[in-house]
Amino acid sequence: PEKKSGKYFHVTFLLRKGKILVWAANDYTKAHLSSRFGDYKPTKTGGSYNACLHSEVAAVRTFTNKFRNTDMRKITLFNVRLDHNGKPCFAAPCVNCQRNIVDPLNFKEVEFTK
């Protein structure tokens, strides 16, 4: 995957039995898909924030379009976040992705860099 514009490189992989089925990166040029994945509630106060397309949302969208399936019970979601030096950073899903994607879709596992 290519690094997108933004402070960090954040990518989500959806795997089954250790095989990558789809992946997607944060896309800072596209807006969050609230019509399909719920409203994005800002987690920081002050100023205005337009949520970008988070990698978790993009990965689930790619998966459902590719496989015509939304059953995630056998799927592992794995988030990776790298800083500008390529070092792993904390990459747990944000509270919005947790609420709108991770919890309702019931993934087998959710893993992330720490």
C-alpha atoms as a PDB file:
ATOM      1  CA  PRO A   1       0.000   0.000   0.000  1.00  0.00           C
ATOM      2  CA  GLU A   2       1.046   3.560  -0.679  1.00  0.00           C
ATOM      3  CA  LYS A   3       1.164   6.138   2.085  1.00  0.00           C
ATOM      4  CA  LYS A   4      -1.713   8.576   1.884  1.00  0.00           C
ATOM      5  CA  SER A   5      -1.510  12.203   2.883  1.00  0.00           C
ATOM      6  CA  GLY A   6      -1.838  12.679   6.605  1.00  0.00           C
ATOM      7  CA  LYS A   7       0.132  12.588   9.810  1.00  0.00           C
ATOM      8  CA  TYR A   8       0.287   8.793   9.992  1.00  0.00           C
ATOM      9  CA  PHE A   9      -0.081   5.834   7.677  1.00  0.00           C
ATOM     10  CA  HIS A  10      -3.048   3.794   8.888  1.00  0.00           C
ATOM     11  CA  VAL A  11      -4.148   0.618   7.125  1.00  0.00           C
ATOM     12  CA  THR A  12      -6.674  -2.112   7.924  1.00  0.00           C
ATOM     13  CA  PHE A  13      -6.361  -5.704   6.784  1.00  0.00           C
ATOM     14  CA  LEU A  14      -9.246  -8.181   6.839  1.00  0.00           C
ATOM     15  CA  LEU A  15      -7.941 -11.725   7.139  1.00  0.00           C
ATOM     16  CA  ARG A  16      -9.301 -15.248   7.250  1.00  0.00           C
ATOM     17  CA  LYS A  17      -7.042 -18.066   8.401  1.00  0.00           C
ATOM     18  CA  GLY A  18      -4.046 -15.732   8.135  1.00  0.00           C
ATOM     19  CA  LYS A  19      -4.748 -14.842   4.492  1.00  0.00           C
ATOM     20  CA  ILE A  20      -5.288 -11.193   3.558  1.00  0.00           C
ATOM     21  CA  LEU A  21      -8.669 -10.909   1.856  1.00  0.00           C
ATOM     22  CA  VAL A  22      -8.749  -7.112   1.508  1.00  0.00           C
ATOM     23  CA  TRP A  23      -6.907  -4.073   2.815  1.00  0.00           C
ATOM     24  CA  ALA A  24      -7.553  -0.352   2.818  1.00  0.00           C
ATOM     25  CA  ALA A  25      -5.767   2.774   4.051  1.00  0.00           C
ATOM     26  CA  ASN A  26      -7.117   5.969   5.572  1.00  0.00           C
ATOM     27  CA  ASP A  27      -8.030   8.306   2.745  1.00  0.00           C
ATOM     28  CA  TYR A  28      -7.709  11.922   3.839  1.00  0.00           C
ATOM     29  CA  THR A  29      -9.201  13.152   0.553  1.00  0.00           C
ATOM     30  CA  LYS A  30     -12.580  11.423   1.126  1.00  0.00           C
ATOM     31  CA  ALA A  31     -15.228  11.986   3.770  1.00  0.00           C
ATOM     32  CA  HIS A  32     -16.572   9.428   6.254  1.00  0.00           C
ATOM     33  CA  LEU A  33     -19.493   7.439   4.808  1.00  0.00           C
ATOM     34  CA  SER A  34     -22.085   8.382   7.438  1.00  0.00           C
ATOM     35  CA  SER A  35     -25.016   7.261   5.292  1.00  0.00           C
ATOM     36  CA  ARG A  36     -23.697   3.699   5.361  1.00  0.00           C
ATOM     37  CA  PHE A  37     -21.623   3.516   8.549  1.00  0.00           C
ATOM     38  CA  GLY A  38     -23.357   5.864  10.978  1.00  0.00           C
ATOM     39  CA  ASP A  39     -22.667   9.398  12.081  1.00  0.00           C
ATOM     40  CA  TYR A  40     -19.134  10.338  13.031  1.00  0.00           C
ATOM     41  CA  LYS A  41     -19.154  11.973  16.421  1.00  0.00           C
ATOM     42  CA  PRO A  42     -16.101  14.200  16.997  1.00  0.00           C
ATOM     43  CA  THR A  43     -13.873  12.927  19.793  1.00  0.00           C
ATOM     44  CA  LYS A  44     -12.043  16.228  20.284  1.00  0.00           C
ATOM     45  CA  THR A  45     -13.588  19.495  21.391  1.00  0.00           C
ATOM     46  CA  GLY A  46     -13.096  22.836  19.729  1.00  0.00           C
ATOM     47  CA  GLY A  47     -12.699  23.687  16.084  1.00  0.00           C
ATOM     48  CA  SER A  48     -14.304  21.850  13.224  1.00  0.00           C
ATOM     49  CA  TYR A  49     -13.344  18.385  12.098  1.00  0.00           C
ATOM     50  CA  ASN A  50     -14.462  16.612   8.973  1.00  0.00           C
ATOM     51  CA  ALA A  51     -13.741  12.935   9.395  1.00  0.00           C
ATOM     52  CA  CYS A  52     -11.793  11.298   6.619  1.00  0.00           C
ATOM     53  CA  LEU A  53     -12.587   7.865   5.262  1.00  0.00           C
ATOM     54  CA  HIS A  54     -11.116   5.609   7.949  1.00  0.00           C
ATOM     55  CA  SER A  55      -9.335   2.452   6.860  1.00  0.00           C
ATOM     56  CA  GLU A  56     -11.760   0.239   8.826  1.00  0.00           C
ATOM     57  CA  VAL A  57     -14.733   1.673   6.927  1.00  0.00           C
ATOM     58  CA  ALA A  58     -12.937   1.385   3.581  1.00  0.00           C
ATOM     59  CA  ALA A  59     -11.871  -2.218   4.281  1.00  0.00           C
ATOM     60  CA  VAL A  60     -15.391  -3.325   5.221  1.00  0.00           C
ATOM     61  CA  ARG A  61     -16.795  -1.579   2.151  1.00  0.00           C
ATOM     62  CA  THR A  62     -14.224  -3.274  -0.081  1.00  0.00           C
ATOM     63  CA  PHE A  63     -14.913  -6.654   1.532  1.00  0.00           C
ATOM     64  CA  THR A  64     -18.694  -6.412   1.153  1.00  0.00           C
ATOM     65  CA  ASN A  65     -18.394  -5.241  -2.471  1.00  0.00           C
ATOM     66  CA  LYS A  66     -15.869  -7.961  -3.366  1.00  0.00           C
ATOM     67  CA  PHE A  67     -17.491 -10.915  -1.596  1.00  0.00           C
ATOM     68  CA  ARG A  68     -21.121  -9.722  -1.403  1.00  0.00           C
ATOM     69  CA  ASN A  69     -21.011 -10.780   2.221  1.00  0.00           C
ATOM     70  CA  THR A  70     -21.215  -8.978   5.556  1.00  0.00           C
ATOM     71  CA  ASP A  71     -20.624 -11.989   7.825  1.00  0.00           C
ATOM     72  CA  MET A  72     -17.456 -11.129   9.749  1.00  0.00           C
ATOM     73  CA  ARG A  73     -17.610 -13.885  12.376  1.00  0.00           C
ATOM     74  CA  LYS A  74     -14.636 -15.708  10.783  1.00  0.00           C
ATOM     75  CA  ILE A  75     -12.747 -12.547   9.854  1.00  0.00           C
ATOM     76  CA  THR A  76      -9.897 -10.904  11.764  1.00  0.00           C
ATOM     77  CA  LEU A  77      -9.571  -7.126  11.518  1.00  0.00           C
ATOM     78  CA  PHE A  78      -5.941  -6.036  11.850  1.00  0.00           C
ATOM     79  CA  ASN A  79      -5.008  -2.344  12.056  1.00  0.00           C
ATOM     80  CA  VAL A  80      -1.489  -1.068  11.442  1.00  0.00           C
ATOM     81  CA  ARG A  81      -0.393   2.504  12.018  1.00  0.00           C
ATOM     82  CA  LEU A  82       3.075   3.794  11.197  1.00  0.00           C
ATOM     83  CA  ASP A  83       4.662   7.141  11.959  1.00  0.00           C
ATOM     84  CA  HIS A  84       6.784   9.151   9.500  1.00  0.00           C
ATOM     85  CA  ASN A  85       9.807   7.010  10.392  1.00  0.00           C
ATOM     86  CA  GLY A  86       7.976   3.745   9.699  1.00  0.00           C
ATOM     87  CA  LYS A  87       7.689   2.834  13.386  1.00  0.00           C
ATOM     88  CA  PRO A  88       4.506   1.106  14.602  1.00  0.00           C
ATOM     89  CA  CYS A  89       2.067   3.237  16.613  1.00  0.00           C
ATOM     90  CA  PHE A  90      -1.089   2.542  18.593  1.00  0.00           C
ATOM     91  CA  ALA A  91      -3.803   1.622  16.083  1.00  0.00           C
ATOM     92  CA  ALA A  92      -6.924   0.535  17.972  1.00  0.00           C
ATOM     93  CA  PRO A  93     -10.129   1.494  16.134  1.00  0.00           C
ATOM     94  CA  CYS A  94     -11.400   4.938  17.139  1.00  0.00           C
ATOM     95  CA  VAL A  95     -14.568   5.097  19.232  1.00  0.00           C
ATOM     96  CA  ASN A  96     -16.627   5.776  16.108  1.00  0.00           C
ATOM     97  CA  CYS A  97     -15.264   2.787  14.187  1.00  0.00           C
ATOM     98  CA  GLN A  98     -15.642   0.648  17.303  1.00  0.00           C
ATOM     99  CA  ARG A  99     -19.292   1.699  17.712  1.00  0.00           C
ATOM    100  CA  ASN A 100     -20.317   1.631  14.030  1.00  0.00           C
ATOM    101  CA  ILE A 101     -18.215  -1.219  12.620  1.00  0.00           C
ATOM    102  CA  VAL A 102     -16.351  -3.420  15.075  1.00  0.00           C
ATOM    103  CA  ASP A 103     -19.110  -3.999  17.646  1.00  0.00           C
ATOM    104  CA  PRO A 104     -22.062  -4.575  15.281  1.00  0.00           C
ATOM    105  CA  LEU A 105     -20.154  -6.728  12.768  1.00  0.00           C
ATOM    106  CA  ASN A 106     -18.859  -9.154  15.413  1.00  0.00           C
ATOM    107  CA  PHE A 107     -15.380  -9.850  14.012  1.00  0.00           C
ATOM    108  CA  LYS A 108     -13.653 -13.046  15.128  1.00  0.00           C
ATOM    109  CA  GLU A 109     -10.717 -10.966  16.384  1.00  0.00           C
ATOM    110  CA  VAL A 110      -9.591  -7.348  16.356  1.00  0.00           C
ATOM    111  CA  GLU A 111      -5.822  -6.864  16.459  1.00  0.00           C
ATOM    112  CA  PHE A 112      -3.734  -3.709  16.159  1.00  0.00           C
ATOM    113  CA  THR A 113      -0.211  -2.406  16.493  1.00  0.00           C
ATOM    114  CA  LYS A 114       0.672  -0.953  19.871  1.00  0.00           C
END
